[in-house]
Amino acid sequence: LAGTQVPVNRWVPSAAVMILFLLGAVASFRLGAEFTLVGVTFAV
């Protein structure tokens, strides 16, 4: 993500990385309450 935003912002690669992030976050939250902290750790 940092490589897509610095020194110039490239929207298509940045959007692709954010979609991957959202897929990972949703997957970790959908696995159950015990994986919620794993999702938060992933985001941080």
ModelCIF file with pLDDT and N, C-alpha, C, O atoms, coordinates in Angstrom:
data_MODEL
#
_entry.id   MODEL 
#
_entity.id                         1 
_entity.type                       polymer 
_entity.pdbx_number_of_molecules   1 
#
_entity_poly.entity_id                      1 
_entity_poly.type                           'polypeptide(L)' 
_entity_poly.nstd_linkage                   no 
_entity_poly.nstd_monomer                   no 
_entity_poly.pdbx_seq_one_letter_code       LAGTQVPVNRWVPSAAVMILFLLGAVASFRLGAEFTLVGVTFAV 
_entity_poly.pdbx_seq_one_letter_code_can   LAGTQVPVNRWVPSAAVMILFLLGAVASFRLGAEFTLVGVTFAV 
_entity_poly.pdbx_strand_id                 A 
#
loop_
_entity_poly_seq.entity_id 
_entity_poly_seq.num 
_entity_poly_seq.mon_id 
_entity_poly_seq.hetero 
1 1  LEU n 
1 2  ALA n 
1 3  GLY n 
1 4  THR n 
1 5  GLN n 
1 6  VAL n 
1 7  PRO n 
1 8  VAL n 
1 9  ASN n 
1 10 ARG n 
1 11 TRP n 
1 12 VAL n 
1 13 PRO n 
1 14 SER n 
1 15 ALA n 
1 16 ALA n 
1 17 VAL n 
1 18 MET n 
1 19 ILE n 
1 20 LEU n 
1 21 PHE n 
1 22 LEU n 
1 23 LEU n 
1 24 GLY n 
1 25 ALA n 
1 26 VAL n 
1 27 ALA n 
1 28 SER n 
1 29 PHE n 
1 30 ARG n 
1 31 LEU n 
1 32 GLY n 
1 33 ALA n 
1 34 GLU n 
1 35 PHE n 
1 36 THR n 
1 37 LEU n 
1 38 VAL n 
1 39 GLY n 
1 40 VAL n 
1 41 THR n 
1 42 PHE n 
1 43 ALA n 
1 44 VAL n 
#
_struct_asym.id          A 
_struct_asym.entity_id   1 
#
loop_
_ma_qa_metric.id 
_ma_qa_metric.mode 
_ma_qa_metric.name 
_ma_qa_metric.software_group_id 
_ma_qa_metric.type 
1 global pLDDT . pLDDT 
2 local  pLDDT . pLDDT 
#
_ma_qa_metric_global.metric_id      1 
_ma_qa_metric_global.metric_value   84.77 
_ma_qa_metric_global.model_id       1 
_ma_qa_metric_global.ordinal_id     1 
#
loop_
_ma_qa_metric_local.label_asym_id 
_ma_qa_metric_local.label_comp_id 
_ma_qa_metric_local.label_seq_id 
_ma_qa_metric_local.metric_id 
_ma_qa_metric_local.metric_value 
_ma_qa_metric_local.model_id 
_ma_qa_metric_local.ordinal_id 
A LEU 1  2 89.00 1 1  
A ALA 2  2 88.00 1 2  
A GLY 3  2 86.00 1 3  
A THR 4  2 88.00 1 4  
A GLN 5  2 84.00 1 5  
A VAL 6  2 80.00 1 6  
A PRO 7  2 81.00 1 7  
A VAL 8  2 80.00 1 8  
A ASN 9  2 82.00 1 9  
A ARG 10 2 87.00 1 10 
A TRP 11 2 88.00 1 11 
A VAL 12 2 91.00 1 12 
A PRO 13 2 88.00 1 13 
A SER 14 2 88.00 1 14 
A ALA 15 2 90.00 1 15 
A ALA 16 2 91.00 1 16 
A VAL 17 2 89.00 1 17 
A MET 18 2 89.00 1 18 
A ILE 19 2 91.00 1 19 
A LEU 20 2 88.00 1 20 
A PHE 21 2 87.00 1 21 
A LEU 22 2 88.00 1 22 
A LEU 23 2 88.00 1 23 
A GLY 24 2 83.00 1 24 
A ALA 25 2 80.00 1 25 
A VAL 26 2 83.00 1 26 
A ALA 27 2 82.00 1 27 
A SER 28 2 78.00 1 28 
A PHE 29 2 76.00 1 29 
A ARG 30 2 80.00 1 30 
A LEU 31 2 80.00 1 31 
A GLY 32 2 77.00 1 32 
A ALA 33 2 75.00 1 33 
A GLU 34 2 76.00 1 34 
A PHE 35 2 80.00 1 35 
A THR 36 2 82.00 1 36 
A LEU 37 2 85.00 1 37 
A VAL 38 2 85.00 1 38 
A GLY 39 2 83.00 1 39 
A VAL 40 2 87.00 1 40 
A THR 41 2 89.00 1 41 
A PHE 42 2 88.00 1 42 
A ALA 43 2 88.00 1 43 
A VAL 44 2 92.00 1 44 
#
loop_
_atom_site.group_PDB 
_atom_site.id 
_atom_site.type_symbol 
_atom_site.label_atom_id 
_atom_site.label_alt_id 
_atom_site.label_comp_id 
_atom_site.label_asym_id 
_atom_site.label_entity_id 
_atom_site.label_seq_id 
_atom_site.pdbx_PDB_ins_code 
_atom_site.Cartn_x 
_atom_site.Cartn_y 
_atom_site.Cartn_z 
_atom_site.occupancy 
_atom_site.B_iso_or_equiv 
_atom_site.pdbx_formal_charge 
_atom_site.auth_seq_id 
_atom_site.auth_comp_id 
_atom_site.auth_asym_id 
_atom_site.auth_atom_id 
_atom_site.pdbx_PDB_model_num 
ATOM 1   N N  . LEU A 1 1  ? 0.825   -1.206  0.000  1.00 89.00 ? 1  LEU A N  1 
ATOM 2   C CA . LEU A 1 1  ? 0.000   0.000   0.000  1.00 89.00 ? 1  LEU A CA 1 
ATOM 3   C C  . LEU A 1 1  ? 0.862   1.261   0.000  1.00 89.00 ? 1  LEU A C  1 
ATOM 4   O O  . LEU A 1 1  ? 0.568   2.215   -0.720 1.00 89.00 ? 1  LEU A O  1 
ATOM 5   N N  . ALA A 1 2  ? 1.913   1.267   0.797  1.00 88.00 ? 2  ALA A N  1 
ATOM 6   C CA . ALA A 1 2  ? 2.796   2.439   0.834  1.00 88.00 ? 2  ALA A CA 1 
ATOM 7   C C  . ALA A 1 2  ? 3.444   2.674   -0.524 1.00 88.00 ? 2  ALA A C  1 
ATOM 8   O O  . ALA A 1 2  ? 3.599   3.818   -0.951 1.00 88.00 ? 2  ALA A O  1 
ATOM 9   N N  . GLY A 1 3  ? 3.819   1.603   -1.195 1.00 86.00 ? 3  GLY A N  1 
ATOM 10  C CA . GLY A 1 3  ? 4.426   1.737   -2.516 1.00 86.00 ? 3  GLY A CA 1 
ATOM 11  C C  . GLY A 1 3  ? 3.484   2.277   -3.572 1.00 86.00 ? 3  GLY A C  1 
ATOM 12  O O  . GLY A 1 3  ? 3.927   2.830   -4.579 1.00 86.00 ? 3  GLY A O  1 
ATOM 13  N N  . THR A 1 4  ? 2.177   2.120   -3.350 1.00 88.00 ? 4  THR A N  1 
ATOM 14  C CA . THR A 1 4  ? 1.215   2.653   -4.314 1.00 88.00 ? 4  THR A CA 1 
ATOM 15  C C  . THR A 1 4  ? 0.827   4.092   -4.015 1.00 88.00 ? 4  THR A C  1 
ATOM 16  O O  . THR A 1 4  ? 0.196   4.743   -4.847 1.00 88.00 ? 4  THR A O  1 
ATOM 17  N N  . GLN A 1 5  ? 1.192   4.600   -2.845 1.00 84.00 ? 5  GLN A N  1 
ATOM 18  C CA . GLN A 1 5  ? 0.777   5.948   -2.469 1.00 84.00 ? 5  GLN A CA 1 
ATOM 19  C C  . GLN A 1 5  ? 1.907   6.963   -2.423 1.00 84.00 ? 5  GLN A C  1 
ATOM 20  O O  . GLN A 1 5  ? 1.654   8.167   -2.384 1.00 84.00 ? 5  GLN A O  1 
ATOM 21  N N  . VAL A 1 6  ? 3.133   6.502   -2.428 1.00 80.00 ? 6  VAL A N  1 
ATOM 22  C CA . VAL A 1 6  ? 4.262   7.418   -2.321 1.00 80.00 ? 6  VAL A CA 1 
ATOM 23  C C  . VAL A 1 6  ? 5.231   7.116   -3.443 1.00 80.00 ? 6  VAL A C  1 
ATOM 24  O O  . VAL A 1 6  ? 5.469   5.935   -3.698 1.00 80.00 ? 6  VAL A O  1 
ATOM 25  N N  . PRO A 1 7  ? 5.797   8.059   -4.119 1.00 81.00 ? 7  PRO A N  1 
ATOM 26  C CA . PRO A 1 7  ? 5.661   9.510   -4.022 1.00 81.00 ? 7  PRO A CA 1 
ATOM 27  C C  . PRO A 1 7  ? 4.421   10.054  -4.727 1.00 81.00 ? 7  PRO A C  1 
ATOM 28  O O  . PRO A 1 7  ? 4.011   11.183  -4.457 1.00 81.00 ? 7  PRO A O  1 
ATOM 29  N N  . VAL A 1 8  ? 3.817   9.274   -5.627 1.00 80.00 ? 8  VAL A N  1 
ATOM 30  C CA . VAL A 1 8  ? 2.555   9.704   -6.237 1.00 80.00 ? 8  VAL A CA 1 
ATOM 31  C C  . VAL A 1 8  ? 1.505   8.644   -5.940 1.00 80.00 ? 8  VAL A C  1 
ATOM 32  O O  . VAL A 1 8  ? 1.817   7.466   -5.768 1.00 80.00 ? 8  VAL A O  1 
ATOM 33  N N  . ASN A 1 9  ? 0.276   9.080   -5.885 1.00 82.00 ? 9  ASN A N  1 
ATOM 34  C CA . ASN A 1 9  ? -0.812  8.166   -5.564 1.00 82.00 ? 9  ASN A CA 1 
ATOM 35  C C  . ASN A 1 9  ? -1.297  7.490   -6.843 1.00 82.00 ? 9  ASN A C  1 
ATOM 36  O O  . ASN A 1 9  ? -1.747  8.159   -7.774 1.00 82.00 ? 9  ASN A O  1 
ATOM 37  N N  . ARG A 1 10 ? -1.205  6.175   -6.882 1.00 87.00 ? 10 ARG A N  1 
ATOM 38  C CA . ARG A 1 10 ? -1.697  5.386   -8.007 1.00 87.00 ? 10 ARG A CA 1 
ATOM 39  C C  . ARG A 1 10 ? -2.956  4.665   -7.531 1.00 87.00 ? 10 ARG A C  1 
ATOM 40  O O  . ARG A 1 10 ? -2.890  3.791   -6.667 1.00 87.00 ? 10 ARG A O  1 
ATOM 41  N N  . TRP A 1 11 ? -4.095  5.036   -8.097 1.00 88.00 ? 11 TRP A N  1 
ATOM 42  C CA . TRP A 1 11 ? -5.378  4.606   -7.567 1.00 88.00 ? 11 TRP A CA 1 
ATOM 43  C C  . TRP A 1 11 ? -5.693  3.143   -7.818 1.00 88.00 ? 11 TRP A C  1 
ATOM 44  O O  . TRP A 1 11 ? -6.236  2.483   -6.933 1.00 88.00 ? 11 TRP A O  1 
ATOM 45  N N  . VAL A 1 12 ? -5.377  2.616   -8.980 1.00 91.00 ? 12 VAL A N  1 
ATOM 46  C CA . VAL A 1 12 ? -5.750  1.228   -9.288 1.00 91.00 ? 12 VAL A CA 1 
ATOM 47  C C  . VAL A 1 12 ? -4.981  0.240   -8.407 1.00 91.00 ? 12 VAL A C  1 
ATOM 48  O O  . VAL A 1 12 ? -5.608  -0.628  -7.799 1.00 91.00 ? 12 VAL A O  1 
ATOM 49  N N  . PRO A 1 13 ? -3.652  0.332   -8.313 1.00 88.00 ? 13 PRO A N  1 
ATOM 50  C CA . PRO A 1 13 ? -2.964  -0.596  -7.396 1.00 88.00 ? 13 PRO A CA 1 
ATOM 51  C C  . PRO A 1 13 ? -3.365  -0.377  -5.939 1.00 88.00 ? 13 PRO A C  1 
ATOM 52  O O  . PRO A 1 13 ? -3.450  -1.332  -5.167 1.00 88.00 ? 13 PRO A O  1 
ATOM 53  N N  . SER A 1 14 ? -3.609  0.862   -5.569 1.00 88.00 ? 14 SER A N  1 
ATOM 54  C CA . SER A 1 14 ? -4.027  1.155   -4.201 1.00 88.00 ? 14 SER A CA 1 
ATOM 55  C C  . SER A 1 14 ? -5.381  0.516   -3.905 1.00 88.00 ? 14 SER A C  1 
ATOM 56  O O  . SER A 1 14 ? -5.582  -0.041  -2.826 1.00 88.00 ? 14 SER A O  1 
ATOM 57  N N  . ALA A 1 15 ? -6.298  0.594   -4.849 1.00 90.00 ? 15 ALA A N  1 
ATOM 58  C CA . ALA A 1 15 ? -7.619  -0.025  -4.666 1.00 90.00 ? 15 ALA A CA 1 
ATOM 59  C C  . ALA A 1 15 ? -7.493  -1.547  -4.591 1.00 90.00 ? 15 ALA A C  1 
ATOM 60  O O  . ALA A 1 15 ? -8.210  -2.189  -3.824 1.00 90.00 ? 15 ALA A O  1 
ATOM 61  N N  . ALA A 1 16 ? -6.595  -2.123  -5.375 1.00 91.00 ? 16 ALA A N  1 
ATOM 62  C CA . ALA A 1 16 ? -6.400  -3.574  -5.336 1.00 91.00 ? 16 ALA A CA 1 
ATOM 63  C C  . ALA A 1 16 ? -5.886  -4.025  -3.970 1.00 91.00 ? 16 ALA A C  1 
ATOM 64  O O  . ALA A 1 16 ? -6.333  -5.043  -3.442 1.00 91.00 ? 16 ALA A O  1 
ATOM 65  N N  . VAL A 1 17 ? -4.960  -3.279  -3.405 1.00 89.00 ? 17 VAL A N  1 
ATOM 66  C CA . VAL A 1 17 ? -4.437  -3.623  -2.081 1.00 89.00 ? 17 VAL A CA 1 
ATOM 67  C C  . VAL A 1 17 ? -5.529  -3.470  -1.029 1.00 89.00 ? 17 VAL A C  1 
ATOM 68  O O  . VAL A 1 17 ? -5.642  -4.299  -0.126 1.00 89.00 ? 17 VAL A O  1 
ATOM 69  N N  . MET A 1 18 ? -6.328  -2.423  -1.138 1.00 89.00 ? 18 MET A N  1 
ATOM 70  C CA . MET A 1 18 ? -7.400  -2.225  -0.165 1.00 89.00 ? 18 MET A CA 1 
ATOM 71  C C  . MET A 1 18 ? -8.460  -3.329  -0.270 1.00 89.00 ? 18 MET A C  1 
ATOM 72  O O  . MET A 1 18 ? -9.033  -3.728  0.744  1.00 89.00 ? 18 MET A O  1 
ATOM 73  N N  . ILE A 1 19 ? -8.726  -3.822  -1.476 1.00 91.00 ? 19 ILE A N  1 
ATOM 74  C CA . ILE A 1 19 ? -9.663  -4.940  -1.626 1.00 91.00 ? 19 ILE A CA 1 
ATOM 75  C C  . ILE A 1 19 ? -9.104  -6.190  -0.960 1.00 91.00 ? 19 ILE A C  1 
ATOM 76  O O  . ILE A 1 19 ? -9.837  -6.921  -0.293 1.00 91.00 ? 19 ILE A O  1 
ATOM 77  N N  . LEU A 1 20 ? -7.806  -6.439  -1.137 1.00 88.00 ? 20 LEU A N  1 
ATOM 78  C CA . LEU A 1 20 ? -7.182  -7.578  -0.460 1.00 88.00 ? 20 LEU A CA 1 
ATOM 79  C C  . LEU A 1 20 ? -7.271  -7.429  1.055  1.00 88.00 ? 20 LEU A C  1 
ATOM 80  O O  . LEU A 1 20 ? -7.532  -8.399  1.767  1.00 88.00 ? 20 LEU A O  1 
ATOM 81  N N  . PHE A 1 21 ? -7.053  -6.213  1.539  1.00 87.00 ? 21 PHE A N  1 
ATOM 82  C CA . PHE A 1 21 ? -7.169  -5.957  2.974  1.00 87.00 ? 21 PHE A CA 1 
ATOM 83  C C  . PHE A 1 21 ? -8.589  -6.243  3.464  1.00 87.00 ? 21 PHE A C  1 
ATOM 84  O O  . PHE A 1 21 ? -8.785  -6.910  4.480  1.00 87.00 ? 21 PHE A O  1 
ATOM 85  N N  . LEU A 1 22 ? -9.568  -5.733  2.732  1.00 88.00 ? 22 LEU A N  1 
ATOM 86  C CA . LEU A 1 22 ? -10.964 -5.950  3.142  1.00 88.00 ? 22 LEU A CA 1 
ATOM 87  C C  . LEU A 1 22 ? -11.332 -7.430  3.126  1.00 88.00 ? 22 LEU A C  1 
ATOM 88  O O  . LEU A 1 22 ? -12.049 -7.900  4.010  1.00 88.00 ? 22 LEU A O  1 
ATOM 89  N N  . LEU A 1 23 ? -10.851 -8.161  2.135  1.00 88.00 ? 23 LEU A N  1 
ATOM 90  C CA . LEU A 1 23 ? -11.118 -9.601  2.092  1.00 88.00 ? 23 LEU A CA 1 
ATOM 91  C C  . LEU A 1 23 ? -10.513 -10.306 3.305  1.00 88.00 ? 23 LEU A C  1 
ATOM 92  O O  . LEU A 1 23 ? -11.154 -11.166 3.909  1.00 88.00 ? 23 LEU A O  1 
ATOM 93  N N  . GLY A 1 24 ? -9.295  -9.948  3.657  1.00 83.00 ? 24 GLY A N  1 
ATOM 94  C CA . GLY A 1 24 ? -8.658  -10.545 4.831  1.00 83.00 ? 24 GLY A CA 1 
ATOM 95  C C  . GLY A 1 24 ? -9.358  -10.177 6.126  1.00 83.00 ? 24 GLY A C  1 
ATOM 96  O O  . GLY A 1 24 ? -9.529  -11.017 7.009  1.00 83.00 ? 24 GLY A O  1 
ATOM 97  N N  . ALA A 1 25 ? -9.760  -8.922  6.238  1.00 80.00 ? 25 ALA A N  1 
ATOM 98  C CA . ALA A 1 25 ? -10.436 -8.480  7.458  1.00 80.00 ? 25 ALA A CA 1 
ATOM 99  C C  . ALA A 1 25 ? -11.802 -9.141  7.594  1.00 80.00 ? 25 ALA A C  1 
ATOM 100 O O  . ALA A 1 25 ? -12.163 -9.600  8.677  1.00 80.00 ? 25 ALA A O  1 
ATOM 101 N N  . VAL A 1 26 ? -12.555 -9.193  6.516  1.00 83.00 ? 26 VAL A N  1 
ATOM 102 C CA . VAL A 1 26 ? -13.874 -9.821  6.562  1.00 83.00 ? 26 VAL A CA 1 
ATOM 103 C C  . VAL A 1 26 ? -13.740 -11.310 6.876  1.00 83.00 ? 26 VAL A C  1 
ATOM 104 O O  . VAL A 1 26 ? -14.519 -11.853 7.659  1.00 83.00 ? 26 VAL A O  1 
ATOM 105 N N  . ALA A 1 27 ? -12.760 -11.964 6.270  1.00 82.00 ? 27 ALA A N  1 
ATOM 106 C CA . ALA A 1 27 ? -12.560 -13.398 6.534  1.00 82.00 ? 27 ALA A CA 1 
ATOM 107 C C  . ALA A 1 27 ? -12.251 -13.646 8.003  1.00 82.00 ? 27 ALA A C  1 
ATOM 108 O O  . ALA A 1 27 ? -12.772 -14.591 8.594  1.00 82.00 ? 27 ALA A O  1 
ATOM 109 N N  . SER A 1 28 ? -11.416 -12.812 8.591  1.00 78.00 ? 28 SER A N  1 
ATOM 110 C CA . SER A 1 28 ? -11.068 -13.033 9.998  1.00 78.00 ? 28 SER A CA 1 
ATOM 111 C C  . SER A 1 28 ? -12.250 -12.754 10.923 1.00 78.00 ? 28 SER A C  1 
ATOM 112 O O  . SER A 1 28 ? -12.400 -13.423 11.945 1.00 78.00 ? 28 SER A O  1 
ATOM 113 N N  . PHE A 1 29 ? -13.082 -11.787 10.583 1.00 76.00 ? 29 PHE A N  1 
ATOM 114 C CA . PHE A 1 29 ? -14.247 -11.511 11.410 1.00 76.00 ? 29 PHE A CA 1 
ATOM 115 C C  . PHE A 1 29 ? -15.345 -12.562 11.221 1.00 76.00 ? 29 PHE A C  1 
ATOM 116 O O  . PHE A 1 29 ? -16.100 -12.842 12.152 1.00 76.00 ? 29 PHE A O  1 
ATOM 117 N N  . ARG A 1 30 ? -15.436 -13.136 10.042 1.00 80.00 ? 30 ARG A N  1 
ATOM 118 C CA . ARG A 1 30 ? -16.461 -14.149 9.768  1.00 80.00 ? 30 ARG A CA 1 
ATOM 119 C C  . ARG A 1 30 ? -16.131 -15.489 10.415 1.00 80.00 ? 30 ARG A C  1 
ATOM 120 O O  . ARG A 1 30 ? -17.023 -16.318 10.587 1.00 80.00 ? 30 ARG A O  1 
ATOM 121 N N  . LEU A 1 31 ? -14.883 -15.717 10.772 1.00 80.00 ? 31 LEU A N  1 
ATOM 122 C CA . LEU A 1 31 ? -14.494 -16.989 11.365 1.00 80.00 ? 31 LEU A CA 1 
ATOM 123 C C  . LEU A 1 31 ? -14.993 -17.144 12.798 1.00 80.00 ? 31 LEU A C  1 
ATOM 124 O O  . LEU A 1 31 ? -15.049 -18.260 13.315 1.00 80.00 ? 31 LEU A O  1 
ATOM 125 N N  . GLY A 1 32 ? -15.346 -16.064 13.427 1.00 77.00 ? 32 GLY A N  1 
ATOM 126 C CA . GLY A 1 32 ? -15.888 -16.151 14.774 1.00 77.00 ? 32 GLY A CA 1 
ATOM 127 C C  . GLY A 1 32 ? -15.300 -15.093 15.679 1.00 77.00 ? 32 GLY A C  1 
ATOM 128 O O  . GLY A 1 32 ? -14.388 -14.356 15.305 1.00 77.00 ? 32 GLY A O  1 
ATOM 129 N N  . ALA A 1 33 ? -15.846 -15.037 16.876 1.00 75.00 ? 33 ALA A N  1 
ATOM 130 C CA . ALA A 1 33 ? -15.435 -14.008 17.836 1.00 75.00 ? 33 ALA A CA 1 
ATOM 131 C C  . ALA A 1 33 ? -13.988 -14.166 18.263 1.00 75.00 ? 33 ALA A C  1 
ATOM 132 O O  . ALA A 1 33 ? -13.319 -13.171 18.546 1.00 75.00 ? 33 ALA A O  1 
ATOM 133 N N  . GLU A 1 34 ? -13.489 -15.395 18.314 1.00 76.00 ? 34 GLU A N  1 
ATOM 134 C CA . GLU A 1 34 ? -12.106 -15.589 18.747 1.00 76.00 ? 34 GLU A CA 1 
ATOM 135 C C  . GLU A 1 34 ? -11.100 -15.076 17.712 1.00 76.00 ? 34 GLU A C  1 
ATOM 136 O O  . GLU A 1 34 ? -9.935  -14.855 18.043 1.00 76.00 ? 34 GLU A O  1 
ATOM 137 N N  . PHE A 1 35 ? -11.540 -14.884 16.457 1.00 80.00 ? 35 PHE A N  1 
ATOM 138 C CA . PHE A 1 35 ? -10.648 -14.373 15.426 1.00 80.00 ? 35 PHE A CA 1 
ATOM 139 C C  . PHE A 1 35 ? -10.763 -12.863 15.242 1.00 80.00 ? 35 PHE A C  1 
ATOM 140 O O  . PHE A 1 35 ? -10.074 -12.292 14.397 1.00 80.00 ? 35 PHE A O  1 
ATOM 141 N N  . THR A 1 36 ? -11.621 -12.211 16.019 1.00 82.00 ? 36 THR A N  1 
ATOM 142 C CA . THR A 1 36 ? -11.767 -10.768 15.906 1.00 82.00 ? 36 THR A CA 1 
ATOM 143 C C  . THR A 1 36 ? -10.465 -10.058 16.254 1.00 82.00 ? 36 THR A C  1 
ATOM 144 O O  . THR A 1 36 ? -10.082 -9.097  15.587 1.00 82.00 ? 36 THR A O  1 
ATOM 145 N N  . LEU A 1 37 ? -9.790  -10.527 17.289 1.00 85.00 ? 37 LEU A N  1 
ATOM 146 C CA . LEU A 1 37 ? -8.516  -9.922  17.665 1.00 85.00 ? 37 LEU A CA 1 
ATOM 147 C C  . LEU A 1 37 ? -7.455  -10.159 16.595 1.00 85.00 ? 37 LEU A C  1 
ATOM 148 O O  . LEU A 1 37 ? -6.568  -9.326  16.406 1.00 85.00 ? 37 LEU A O  1 
ATOM 149 N N  . VAL A 1 38 ? -7.539  -11.277 15.905 1.00 85.00 ? 38 VAL A N  1 
ATOM 150 C CA . VAL A 1 38 ? -6.621  -11.540 14.790 1.00 85.00 ? 38 VAL A CA 1 
ATOM 151 C C  . VAL A 1 38 ? -6.862  -10.524 13.676 1.00 85.00 ? 38 VAL A C  1 
ATOM 152 O O  . VAL A 1 38 ? -5.908  -10.023 13.079 1.00 85.00 ? 38 VAL A O  1 
ATOM 153 N N  . GLY A 1 39 ? -8.119  -10.217 13.392 1.00 83.00 ? 39 GLY A N  1 
ATOM 154 C CA . GLY A 1 39 ? -8.444  -9.214  12.374 1.00 83.00 ? 39 GLY A CA 1 
ATOM 155 C C  . GLY A 1 39 ? -7.956  -7.830  12.748 1.00 83.00 ? 39 GLY A C  1 
ATOM 156 O O  . GLY A 1 39 ? -7.451  -7.089  11.905 1.00 83.00 ? 39 GLY A O  1 
ATOM 157 N N  . VAL A 1 40 ? -8.109  -7.486  14.012 1.00 87.00 ? 40 VAL A N  1 
ATOM 158 C CA . VAL A 1 40 ? -7.626  -6.181  14.483 1.00 87.00 ? 40 VAL A CA 1 
ATOM 159 C C  . VAL A 1 40 ? -6.098  -6.127  14.382 1.00 87.00 ? 40 VAL A C  1 
ATOM 160 O O  . VAL A 1 40 ? -5.535  -5.110  13.978 1.00 87.00 ? 40 VAL A O  1 
ATOM 161 N N  . THR A 1 41 ? -5.437  -7.215  14.748 1.00 89.00 ? 41 THR A N  1 
ATOM 162 C CA . THR A 1 41 ? -3.975  -7.287  14.643 1.00 89.00 ? 41 THR A CA 1 
ATOM 163 C C  . THR A 1 41 ? -3.536  -7.135  13.189 1.00 89.00 ? 41 THR A C  1 
ATOM 164 O O  . THR A 1 41 ? -2.555  -6.449  12.903 1.00 89.00 ? 41 THR A O  1 
ATOM 165 N N  . PHE A 1 42 ? -4.248  -7.763  12.289 1.00 88.00 ? 42 PHE A N  1 
ATOM 166 C CA . PHE A 1 42 ? -3.980  -7.658  10.854 1.00 88.00 ? 42 PHE A CA 1 
ATOM 167 C C  . PHE A 1 42 ? -4.075  -6.205  10.399 1.00 88.00 ? 42 PHE A C  1 
ATOM 168 O O  . PHE A 1 42 ? -3.193  -5.720  9.691  1.00 88.00 ? 42 PHE A O  1 
ATOM 169 N N  . ALA A 1 43 ? -5.141  -5.504  10.802 1.00 88.00 ? 43 ALA A N  1 
ATOM 170 C CA . ALA A 1 43 ? -5.342  -4.110  10.402 1.00 88.00 ? 43 ALA A CA 1 
ATOM 171 C C  . ALA A 1 43 ? -4.267  -3.197  10.985 1.00 88.00 ? 43 ALA A C  1 
ATOM 172 O O  . ALA A 1 43 ? -3.743  -2.332  10.284 1.00 88.00 ? 43 ALA A O  1 
ATOM 173 N N  . VAL A 1 44 ? -3.938  -3.382  12.248 1.00 92.00 ? 44 VAL A N  1 
ATOM 174 C CA . VAL A 1 44 ? -2.921  -2.543  12.892 1.00 92.00 ? 44 VAL A CA 1 
ATOM 175 C C  . VAL A 1 44 ? -1.551  -2.776  12.257 1.00 92.00 ? 44 VAL A C  1 
ATOM 176 O O  . VAL A 1 44 ? -0.568  -2.159  12.666 1.00 92.00 ? 44 VAL A O  1 
#
